[in-house]
Protein backbone atom coordinates (compact mmCIF):
# COMPACT_ATOMS: atom_id res chain seq x y z
CA MET A 1 -18.47 4.81 45.99
CA ARG A 2 -22.21 4.63 45.48
CA PHE A 3 -22.19 1.93 42.79
CA PRO A 4 -22.34 -1.79 43.60
CA GLU A 5 -18.97 -3.51 43.56
CA LEU A 6 -19.23 -6.79 41.68
CA THR A 7 -16.98 -9.63 40.70
CA ALA A 8 -16.53 -10.16 36.97
CA GLU A 9 -18.65 -13.29 37.27
CA GLU A 10 -21.46 -11.39 38.99
CA ALA A 11 -21.35 -8.71 36.29
CA ALA A 12 -21.50 -11.36 33.57
CA THR A 13 -24.73 -12.79 34.97
CA LEU A 14 -26.47 -9.49 34.16
CA ILE A 15 -25.90 -9.96 30.42
CA GLU A 16 -28.36 -12.31 28.73
CA ASN A 17 -28.29 -14.49 25.67
CA GLY A 18 -29.13 -12.38 22.61
CA ASN A 19 -28.04 -9.07 24.16
CA THR A 20 -26.02 -6.53 22.20
CA VAL A 21 -23.00 -5.28 24.11
CA GLY A 22 -20.66 -2.39 23.31
CA PHE A 23 -17.19 -3.02 24.75
CA SER A 24 -14.47 -0.41 25.21
CA GLY A 25 -11.20 -0.80 23.37
CA PHE A 26 -9.51 0.41 20.22
CA THR A 27 -6.78 -2.16 19.61
CA PRO A 28 -6.14 -3.93 22.94
CA ALA A 29 -5.58 -0.48 24.45
CA GLY A 30 -8.38 0.28 26.90
CA SER A 31 -10.16 -2.95 26.02
CA ALA A 32 -12.50 -4.53 28.56
CA LYS A 33 -10.88 -7.71 29.90
CA ALA A 34 -12.36 -9.23 33.06
CA ILE A 35 -16.07 -9.21 32.17
CA PRO A 36 -15.56 -10.66 28.66
CA ARG A 37 -13.57 -13.53 30.18
CA ALA A 38 -16.38 -14.19 32.64
CA LEU A 39 -18.91 -14.03 29.79
CA ALA A 40 -16.90 -16.60 27.85
CA ALA A 41 -16.90 -18.92 30.87
CA ARG A 42 -20.64 -18.43 31.25
CA ALA A 43 -21.19 -19.21 27.55
CA ALA A 44 -19.10 -22.38 27.78
CA GLU A 45 -21.07 -23.49 30.82
CA SER A 46 -24.40 -22.78 29.10
CA HIS A 47 -23.37 -24.65 25.96
CA ALA A 48 -22.26 -27.63 28.03
CA ALA A 49 -25.73 -27.67 29.56
CA GLY A 50 -27.33 -27.55 26.12
CA LYS A 51 -28.45 -23.91 26.46
CA PRO A 52 -27.76 -21.13 23.96
CA PHE A 53 -25.59 -18.18 24.89
CA ARG A 54 -24.37 -15.84 22.15
CA ILE A 55 -24.30 -12.05 22.08
CA GLY A 56 -23.75 -9.25 19.60
CA VAL A 57 -20.30 -7.74 20.12
CA VAL A 58 -19.44 -4.19 19.07
CA THR A 59 -16.16 -2.46 19.89
CA GLY A 60 -14.22 0.56 18.69
CA ALA A 61 -11.88 -1.59 16.62
CA SER A 62 -9.80 -4.68 17.40
CA THR A 63 -9.37 -5.77 21.03
CA GLY A 64 -7.27 -8.18 23.08
CA ASP A 65 -7.40 -11.92 23.56
CA SER A 66 -9.44 -11.54 26.76
CA LEU A 67 -12.30 -10.13 24.71
CA ASP A 68 -12.37 -11.32 21.10
CA GLY A 69 -10.25 -14.41 21.68
CA GLU A 70 -12.02 -15.72 24.77
CA LEU A 71 -15.50 -15.04 23.40
CA ALA A 72 -14.68 -16.58 20.01
CA ARG A 73 -13.23 -19.74 21.56
CA ALA A 74 -16.39 -20.07 23.65
CA ASP A 75 -18.60 -19.62 20.55
CA ALA A 76 -20.23 -16.70 22.35
CA ILE A 77 -20.29 -14.16 19.48
CA ALA A 78 -23.40 -14.21 17.31
CA TRP A 79 -22.36 -11.15 15.31
CA ARG A 80 -19.48 -8.71 15.34
CA THR A 81 -18.53 -5.30 13.95
CA PRO A 82 -16.60 -3.19 12.95
CA TYR A 83 -13.00 -4.56 13.03
CA GLN A 84 -11.05 -7.43 14.57
CA SER A 85 -7.57 -8.96 14.50
CA ASP A 86 -7.98 -12.16 16.53
CA LYS A 87 -7.09 -15.45 14.85
CA PHE A 88 -9.87 -17.40 16.59
CA LEU A 89 -12.53 -14.84 15.73
CA ARG A 90 -11.18 -14.60 12.19
CA LYS A 91 -11.67 -18.36 11.80
CA ALA A 92 -15.21 -18.14 13.16
CA ILE A 93 -15.99 -15.36 10.68
CA ASN A 94 -14.43 -17.08 7.66
CA THR A 95 -16.21 -20.37 8.41
CA GLY A 96 -19.56 -18.61 8.76
CA LYS A 97 -19.96 -19.33 12.47
CA THR A 98 -19.96 -15.63 13.40
CA ARG A 99 -21.74 -13.03 11.29
CA PHE A 100 -19.42 -10.08 10.66
CA PHE A 101 -19.97 -6.85 8.77
CA ASP A 102 -17.24 -4.35 8.08
CA MET A 103 -17.57 -0.58 8.21
CA HIS A 104 -15.52 2.61 8.28
CA LEU A 105 -14.59 3.30 11.89
CA SER A 106 -15.67 6.94 11.80
CA MET A 107 -19.19 5.82 10.87
CA LEU A 108 -19.68 3.30 13.67
CA PRO A 109 -20.74 5.71 16.46
CA GLN A 110 -23.20 7.65 14.33
CA ASN A 111 -24.70 4.47 12.89
CA ILE A 112 -25.25 3.26 16.44
CA ARG A 113 -26.96 6.50 17.47
CA TYR A 114 -29.07 6.46 14.29
CA GLY A 115 -30.40 3.05 15.39
CA PHE A 116 -28.95 1.21 12.40
CA LEU A 117 -27.51 -1.54 14.64
CA GLY A 118 -30.54 -1.91 16.87
CA PRO A 119 -30.81 -1.36 20.63
CA PHE A 120 -27.80 -1.79 22.92
CA ASP A 121 -28.38 -3.59 26.20
CA PHE A 122 -25.01 -3.01 27.86
CA ALA A 123 -21.87 -0.92 27.61
CA VAL A 124 -18.82 -2.52 29.25
CA ILE A 125 -16.17 0.15 29.71
CA GLU A 126 -12.65 0.16 31.13
CA ALA A 127 -11.76 3.22 33.22
CA CYS A 128 -9.08 4.37 35.63
CA ASP A 129 -11.46 6.46 37.74
CA VAL A 130 -15.18 7.07 38.22
CA THR A 131 -17.01 9.53 40.45
CA ASP A 132 -20.35 9.19 42.22
CA ASN A 133 -21.96 11.65 39.79
CA GLY A 134 -21.04 9.56 36.75
CA GLU A 135 -17.79 11.14 35.56
CA ILE A 136 -15.67 8.38 34.00
CA VAL A 137 -11.96 8.80 33.30
CA LEU A 138 -11.20 6.34 30.52
CA SER A 139 -7.90 4.47 30.27
CA THR A 140 -5.70 4.10 27.18
CA SER A 141 -8.34 4.55 24.50
CA ILE A 142 -11.65 6.27 23.83
CA GLY A 143 -12.84 4.60 20.63
CA ALA A 144 -16.64 4.38 20.60
CA SER A 145 -17.08 4.27 24.40
CA PRO A 146 -18.97 7.59 24.64
CA THR A 147 -21.60 6.42 22.17
CA PHE A 148 -21.91 2.99 23.80
CA CYS A 149 -22.65 4.72 27.09
CA THR A 150 -25.09 7.14 25.43
CA VAL A 151 -27.26 4.47 23.85
CA ALA A 152 -26.91 1.48 26.20
CA ASP A 153 -29.59 0.76 28.79
CA ASN A 154 -26.97 -0.38 31.31
CA ILE A 155 -23.29 0.35 31.97
CA LEU A 156 -20.72 -1.90 33.63
CA ILE A 157 -17.32 -0.41 34.47
CA GLU A 158 -14.04 -2.23 34.81
CA LEU A 159 -12.07 0.03 37.14
CA ASN A 160 -8.51 -0.88 36.19
CA GLU A 161 -5.90 0.11 38.76
CA HIS A 162 -3.10 -0.70 36.29
CA HIS A 163 -3.68 2.77 34.81
CA PRO A 164 -3.15 5.89 36.98
CA VAL A 165 -5.98 8.26 37.77
CA GLN A 166 -3.59 10.98 36.61
CA LEU A 167 -4.58 10.09 33.04
CA ARG A 168 -7.42 12.54 33.63
CA GLY A 169 -6.81 15.38 31.21
CA ILE A 170 -5.34 13.37 28.32
CA HIS A 171 -8.81 12.64 26.92
CA ASP A 172 -11.04 15.01 24.94
CA VAL A 173 -14.55 13.51 24.91
CA TYR A 174 -16.85 15.08 22.33
CA GLU A 175 -19.94 13.60 20.71
CA PRO A 176 -21.47 15.58 17.83
CA ASN A 177 -25.16 16.22 17.44
CA ASP A 178 -26.99 14.17 14.84
CA PRO A 179 -28.63 15.58 11.68
CA PRO A 180 -30.46 17.86 11.22
CA HIS A 181 -28.90 19.56 14.26
CA ARG A 182 -25.24 18.82 13.55
CA ASP A 183 -22.76 21.67 13.91
CA PRO A 184 -19.27 21.98 12.40
CA ILE A 185 -16.60 20.18 14.40
CA PRO A 186 -14.41 23.07 15.64
CA ILE A 187 -10.99 21.48 15.14
CA LEU A 188 -8.47 23.56 13.21
CA SER A 189 -5.29 21.75 14.30
CA ALA A 190 -4.21 18.52 15.96
CA ARG A 191 -3.83 20.38 19.27
CA ASP A 192 -7.37 21.73 19.56
CA ARG A 193 -9.50 20.62 22.51
CA ILE A 194 -13.25 20.76 22.01
CA GLY A 195 -14.75 18.48 24.63
CA SER A 196 -14.47 17.19 28.18
CA PRO A 197 -11.60 15.38 29.95
CA VAL A 198 -14.17 12.92 31.32
CA LEU A 199 -17.01 10.83 29.93
CA ARG A 200 -20.20 11.94 31.68
CA VAL A 201 -22.97 9.35 32.00
CA ASP A 202 -26.25 9.05 33.84
CA PRO A 203 -25.24 7.46 37.19
CA ALA A 204 -28.52 5.56 37.27
CA LYS A 205 -27.34 3.49 34.29
CA ILE A 206 -24.22 2.20 36.06
CA ARG A 207 -25.11 -1.29 37.27
CA GLY A 208 -21.80 -2.02 38.92
CA ILE A 209 -18.05 -1.66 39.20
CA VAL A 210 -15.57 -4.50 38.71
CA ARG A 211 -12.11 -3.74 40.12
CA THR A 212 -9.18 -5.05 38.08
CA ASN A 213 -5.44 -4.62 37.71
CA LEU A 214 -4.77 -5.85 34.20
CA ALA A 215 -2.29 -4.66 31.58
CA ASP A 216 -3.36 -3.99 28.00
CA GLU A 217 -2.68 -7.12 25.93
CA ILE A 218 -0.39 -5.43 23.42
CA GLY A 219 2.41 -7.49 21.93
CA GLY A 220 5.58 -6.03 20.54
CA PHE A 221 5.89 -5.03 16.91
CA LYS A 222 8.28 -6.85 14.60
CA PRO A 223 11.65 -5.13 14.29
CA HIS A 224 12.41 -3.18 11.14
CA ASP A 225 14.07 -5.13 8.35
CA GLU A 226 15.62 -4.17 5.04
CA VAL A 227 12.28 -4.14 3.21
CA THR A 228 10.37 -2.04 5.75
CA ASN A 229 13.31 0.36 6.07
CA ARG A 230 13.41 0.87 2.30
CA ILE A 231 9.65 1.47 2.23
CA GLY A 232 10.08 4.07 4.98
CA GLU A 233 12.93 5.74 3.14
CA ASN A 234 10.88 5.86 -0.07
CA VAL A 235 7.95 7.50 1.74
CA ALA A 236 10.28 10.10 3.27
CA ARG A 237 11.94 10.71 -0.10
CA PHE A 238 8.58 11.20 -1.79
CA LEU A 239 7.40 13.68 0.83
CA CYS A 240 10.67 15.63 0.66
CA GLY A 241 10.13 15.89 -3.09
CA GLU A 242 6.62 17.23 -2.51
CA ILE A 243 8.01 19.95 -0.25
CA GLU A 244 10.67 20.91 -2.78
CA ALA A 245 8.07 21.00 -5.57
CA GLY A 246 5.89 23.34 -3.51
CA ARG A 247 2.96 20.94 -3.36
CA VAL A 248 3.32 20.47 0.41
CA PRO A 249 3.93 23.55 2.58
CA ARG A 250 7.47 23.89 3.96
CA GLY A 251 5.99 23.84 7.44
CA PHE A 252 4.52 20.45 6.49
CA LEU A 253 1.07 18.99 7.27
CA PRO A 254 -0.40 16.64 9.90
CA VAL A 255 0.28 12.95 9.31
CA GLN A 256 -1.91 9.89 9.74
CA SER A 257 -0.22 6.50 9.86
CA GLY A 258 -1.58 2.99 10.08
CA VAL A 259 -0.52 0.40 12.65
CA GLY A 260 2.31 -2.12 12.45
CA ASN A 261 5.96 -2.58 11.62
CA ILE A 262 5.77 -0.82 8.25
CA ALA A 263 4.06 2.18 9.85
CA ASN A 264 6.72 2.29 12.56
CA ALA A 265 9.46 2.17 9.91
CA VAL A 266 7.79 4.94 7.90
CA LEU A 267 7.49 7.25 10.88
CA GLY A 268 11.06 6.51 11.90
CA ALA A 269 12.33 7.36 8.43
CA MET A 270 10.33 10.58 8.36
CA GLY A 271 11.62 11.59 11.76
CA SER A 272 15.26 11.03 10.78
CA ASN A 273 15.07 12.69 7.36
CA PRO A 274 16.47 16.26 7.56
CA GLY A 275 14.26 17.34 4.68
CA ILE A 276 11.07 16.80 6.70
CA PRO A 277 10.44 19.39 9.41
CA PRO A 278 8.95 18.52 12.82
CA PHE A 279 5.30 17.62 12.29
CA GLU A 280 2.04 16.88 14.07
CA MET A 281 0.10 13.64 13.93
CA TYR A 282 -3.67 13.44 13.60
CA SER A 283 -4.27 9.72 13.51
CA GLU A 284 -6.09 6.77 15.07
CA VAL A 285 -3.33 5.00 16.95
CA ILE A 286 -0.37 6.41 18.83
CA GLN A 287 2.19 3.60 18.70
CA ASP A 288 5.76 2.95 19.80
CA SER A 289 7.62 4.95 17.17
CA VAL A 290 5.58 8.06 17.94
CA ILE A 291 6.81 8.18 21.55
CA GLY A 292 10.48 8.42 20.64
CA LEU A 293 9.72 11.05 18.01
CA LEU A 294 7.76 13.07 20.57
CA ARG A 295 10.76 12.92 22.90
CA ASP A 296 13.26 14.12 20.30
CA GLY A 297 10.91 16.77 18.90
CA SER A 298 10.47 15.24 15.44
CA ILE A 299 6.75 14.97 16.24
CA THR A 300 5.51 18.05 18.07
CA TYR A 301 2.01 16.82 18.97
CA ALA A 302 0.06 13.57 18.58
CA SER A 303 -3.72 13.21 18.40
CA GLY A 304 -5.33 9.77 18.31
CA THR A 305 -8.04 7.62 19.79
CA SER A 306 -5.79 5.01 21.43
CA LEU A 307 -2.39 4.77 23.06
CA THR A 308 -1.21 1.44 21.67
CA VAL A 309 2.34 0.99 22.90
CA SER A 310 4.36 -1.89 24.32
CA PRO A 311 3.94 -2.49 28.07
CA GLU A 312 7.45 -1.29 28.88
CA LEU A 313 6.99 1.92 26.93
CA LEU A 314 3.62 2.58 28.56
CA GLN A 315 5.27 2.51 31.97
CA GLU A 316 7.87 4.99 30.72
CA ILE A 317 5.02 7.27 29.63
CA TYR A 318 3.32 6.96 33.02
CA ALA A 319 6.61 7.83 34.73
CA ASP A 320 6.77 11.07 32.73
CA LEU A 321 3.06 11.74 32.33
CA PRO A 322 3.18 15.58 32.57
CA PHE A 323 5.52 15.69 29.55
CA PHE A 324 3.21 13.54 27.42
CA LYS A 325 -0.05 15.14 28.54
CA GLU A 326 1.27 18.39 27.05
CA ARG A 327 1.97 16.70 23.71
CA MET A 328 -0.76 14.09 23.31
CA ILE A 329 -4.54 13.87 23.20
CA LEU A 330 -7.03 10.99 22.87
CA ARG A 331 -10.35 11.60 21.11
CA PRO A 332 -13.40 9.47 20.21
CA GLN A 333 -12.89 7.63 16.92
CA GLU A 334 -15.78 9.60 15.44
CA ILE A 335 -13.55 12.68 15.81
CA SER A 336 -10.07 11.19 15.25
CA ASN A 337 -11.28 9.71 11.95
CA ASN A 338 -13.75 12.41 10.97
CA PRO A 339 -13.75 13.21 7.23
CA GLU A 340 -14.63 16.86 7.90
CA VAL A 341 -11.56 17.36 10.07
CA ILE A 342 -9.27 15.27 7.85
CA ARG A 343 -10.04 17.40 4.82
CA ARG A 344 -9.99 20.70 6.70
CA ILE A 345 -6.52 20.37 8.23
CA GLY A 346 -4.95 18.67 5.20
CA ILE A 347 -3.80 15.30 6.47
CA ILE A 348 -1.19 13.20 4.69
CA SER A 349 -2.47 9.63 5.06
CA ILE A 350 -0.15 6.61 4.97
CA ASN A 351 -1.78 3.17 5.14
CA THR A 352 -0.87 -0.42 4.33
CA ALA A 353 -2.30 -2.58 1.55
CA ILE A 354 -2.62 -6.35 1.29
CA GLU A 355 -2.48 -5.98 -2.47
CA THR A 356 -2.89 -3.31 -5.10
CA ASP A 357 -3.63 -3.74 -8.77
CA VAL A 358 -1.89 -2.11 -11.69
CA PHE A 359 -4.54 0.62 -11.87
CA GLY A 360 -4.33 1.71 -8.23
CA ASN A 361 -7.26 -0.14 -6.64
CA VAL A 362 -6.33 -1.37 -3.15
CA ASN A 363 -7.40 -4.42 -1.17
CA SER A 364 -6.76 -3.97 2.54
CA THR A 365 -9.10 -6.59 4.03
CA HIS A 366 -9.28 -9.93 2.20
CA VAL A 367 -6.89 -12.74 1.24
CA MET A 368 -7.53 -14.25 -2.18
CA GLY A 369 -10.79 -12.37 -2.39
CA LYS A 370 -12.77 -14.31 0.20
CA ASP A 371 -11.08 -14.72 3.58
CA LEU A 372 -11.26 -11.70 5.85
CA MET A 373 -8.01 -10.66 7.47
CA ASN A 374 -8.97 -7.84 9.86
CA GLY A 375 -11.26 -5.23 8.33
CA ILE A 376 -11.08 -1.85 6.64
CA GLY A 377 -10.54 0.01 9.90
CA GLY A 378 -10.03 3.72 9.46
CA SER A 379 -7.97 3.58 6.28
CA GLY A 380 -10.94 4.60 4.15
CA ASP A 381 -11.84 7.50 6.43
CA PHE A 382 -8.41 9.00 5.82
CA THR A 383 -7.73 7.88 2.23
CA ARG A 384 -10.87 9.38 0.76
CA ASN A 385 -10.34 12.75 2.44
CA ALA A 386 -6.59 13.19 2.63
CA PHE A 387 -4.46 15.97 1.20
CA ILE A 388 -2.28 13.16 -0.18
CA SER A 389 -3.24 9.48 0.18
CA ILE A 390 -0.36 6.98 0.22
CA PHE A 391 -0.49 3.19 0.38
CA THR A 392 2.55 1.10 1.24
CA CYS A 393 3.28 -2.61 1.00
CA PRO A 394 6.20 -4.96 0.28
CA SER A 395 6.29 -5.87 -3.40
CA VAL A 396 6.06 -9.60 -2.59
CA ALA A 397 4.76 -11.80 0.22
CA LYS A 398 5.17 -15.44 1.30
CA GLY A 399 8.85 -15.47 0.36
CA GLY A 400 8.12 -14.25 -3.16
CA ALA A 401 5.29 -16.68 -3.89
CA ILE A 402 2.80 -13.78 -3.96
CA SER A 403 3.10 -10.51 -5.84
CA THR A 404 1.28 -7.74 -4.01
CA ILE A 405 0.98 -5.96 -7.36
CA VAL A 406 -1.62 -7.85 -9.42
CA PRO A 407 -3.65 -7.26 -12.59
CA LEU A 408 -6.88 -6.83 -10.61
CA VAL A 409 -7.31 -6.86 -6.84
CA SER A 410 -9.35 -9.78 -5.55
CA HIS A 411 -11.34 -7.43 -3.28
CA VAL A 412 -11.69 -3.64 -3.55
CA ASP A 413 -11.63 -1.47 -0.42
CA HIS A 414 -10.12 1.71 -1.89
CA SER A 415 -10.75 2.50 -5.52
CA GLU A 416 -8.31 4.10 -7.95
CA HIS A 417 -10.22 7.36 -7.45
CA SER A 418 -9.02 7.63 -3.85
CA VAL A 419 -5.49 6.25 -4.08
CA GLN A 420 -2.88 8.81 -5.13
CA VAL A 421 0.48 7.21 -4.36
CA ILE A 422 1.69 3.61 -4.02
CA ILE A 423 5.08 2.87 -2.46
CA THR A 424 6.93 -0.42 -2.07
CA GLU A 425 10.56 -1.15 -1.27
CA GLN A 426 11.10 -1.10 -5.05
CA GLY A 427 10.03 2.50 -5.55
CA ILE A 428 7.31 5.13 -5.79
CA ALA A 429 4.28 5.32 -8.11
CA ASP A 430 2.72 8.78 -8.18
CA LEU A 431 -0.68 8.25 -9.80
CA ARG A 432 -1.94 11.83 -9.76
CA GLY A 433 -3.04 13.10 -13.15
CA LYS A 434 -2.46 9.77 -14.92
CA ASN A 435 -4.92 7.76 -16.98
CA PRO A 436 -5.33 4.00 -16.38
CA LEU A 437 -2.60 2.94 -18.83
CA GLU A 438 -0.17 5.49 -17.43
CA ARG A 439 -0.95 4.36 -13.89
CA ALA A 440 -0.33 0.74 -14.86
CA GLU A 441 3.02 1.53 -16.49
CA THR A 442 4.07 3.57 -13.46
CA ILE A 443 3.02 1.03 -10.83
CA VAL A 444 4.58 -1.96 -12.60
CA GLY A 445 7.70 -0.06 -13.59
CA ASN A 446 8.35 1.49 -10.18
CA CYS A 447 6.75 -0.76 -7.54
CA ALA A 448 6.53 -4.36 -8.78
CA HIS A 449 9.14 -6.92 -7.81
CA PRO A 450 11.59 -7.76 -10.66
CA SER A 451 10.44 -11.39 -10.72
CA TYR A 452 6.90 -10.28 -11.64
CA LYS A 453 7.50 -7.23 -13.82
CA ASP A 454 7.60 -9.02 -17.17
CA ALA A 455 4.32 -10.86 -16.54
CA LEU A 456 2.58 -7.67 -15.37
CA PHE A 457 3.87 -5.61 -18.29
CA LYS A 458 2.74 -8.37 -20.65
CA TYR A 459 -0.73 -8.28 -19.15
CA VAL A 460 -1.04 -4.51 -19.49
CA ARG A 461 0.41 -4.25 -23.00
CA THR A 462 -1.49 -7.05 -24.69
CA VAL A 463 -4.89 -5.39 -24.39
CA GLU A 464 -6.08 -3.44 -27.41
CA GLY A 465 -8.78 -0.79 -27.20
CA GLY A 466 -10.77 0.40 -24.22
CA GLN A 467 -10.00 3.14 -21.74
CA THR A 468 -8.71 0.68 -19.13
CA PRO A 469 -6.45 -2.15 -20.38
CA GLN A 470 -8.23 -4.92 -18.52
CA THR A 471 -8.75 -8.50 -19.70
CA LEU A 472 -11.43 -10.23 -17.69
CA ASN A 473 -10.48 -13.78 -18.61
CA LEU A 474 -6.90 -13.21 -17.37
CA ALA A 475 -7.46 -10.70 -14.57
CA PHE A 476 -7.22 -13.29 -11.79
CA ALA A 477 -4.79 -15.69 -13.47
CA MET A 478 -2.05 -14.91 -10.94
CA HIS A 479 -4.40 -15.53 -8.01
CA GLN A 480 -5.65 -18.73 -9.58
CA ARG A 481 -2.10 -19.93 -10.17
CA PHE A 482 -1.28 -19.40 -6.51
CA LEU A 483 -4.36 -21.34 -5.39
CA GLU A 484 -3.40 -24.22 -7.69
CA THR A 485 0.40 -24.29 -7.26
CA GLY A 486 1.26 -22.23 -4.17
CA SER A 487 2.97 -19.53 -6.21
CA MET A 488 1.93 -16.70 -8.53
CA GLN A 489 5.06 -17.16 -10.62
CA GLU A 490 4.75 -18.86 -13.96
């Protein structure tokens, strides 16, 4: 191999204080691991010597502890975008130590190419193979890696032997032209291939290779419980009703699903419901539940930007790779989340809310209006362009101390104009064609927990006049009560 072979520590010495670095990874899948750890150690050493060392960190989405966690604990992140899920980084963001700005995941790569985030000094990319002429076979995600490599002055590659070189062929790397030279993205179904199985880069930019053998840091999802199962069943029941009503074709439409135990329960319920035919997925993340549904034929094809499955399941996939390579594709997030494609092929989007208000506005990022949880991710990309946009959540949280249905959300990520359906374990609120008062009656009546229904109905019905029955002096009374007493209940 023509490129210098470096240790992670040697690679880390090439990155300087104040640099901006694009790291591979979309969830912990395909996330850089060894070099970020070495950077964290270097930052800690510099700080102990009284020297500054902080960098700008950009990734596809969230990453693993070896990247966000290690760098956050070492106070090595000056600024961060576009999404994270690490508790140490979250604390640094919410205390103002790290500057964070949120953005839709489909927009990240183009904003980088447009120069909106400034110059990039390094791209640090995990791969399972690389050739002398600069053909990189990525590992379990693509995310924004192609754009990082396009714009960065230097590239460092973590060559991870944990992932087989036979992954070549599961990726479809395509980077659109920028305006005014942009062409239509020629995807007409989840199965379409439009790019290259490898990421091609200028070999002169590759500063070195770090050999690793490290598993993706993906923990298991929580098992289904009664609440998540009922949410899944309600989603499946709603979609069956849409088929029977003729609003969804009998052959069904591609599905996008968020990440987590609710999403796994929803997909499981859809796969087991005889009223829903086998379907394709066009989504961000291919997670555990998708694999079983691919095996039994409930899902016929899955398109995403990351393969985010438990370690045991990943090894099962690798043991039967030819089967899955015929039924699965990984794309850059700019394509997996692209509004043009989402609208063209008619995706049914299913995402999770932190809270929703009685008019259908959704908060998916902040707790009590000020503390960031993770970020908006790709939920907005899909919600605003979906054939049908669905949001799910349990009706209560914190053992019933919090109602997820509130008079007014404490932070708005998805407005009532984008949200069509809200589903909790209590029931289904179809908001299409309803005015604000009708939406409020439907959401409270069908989705709110019984212990909060009376208070929510009282709020909605006491307002006189106005197109939207909103009372500003009481809109956040439930939130305020929780902050003062630890419970939203009166």
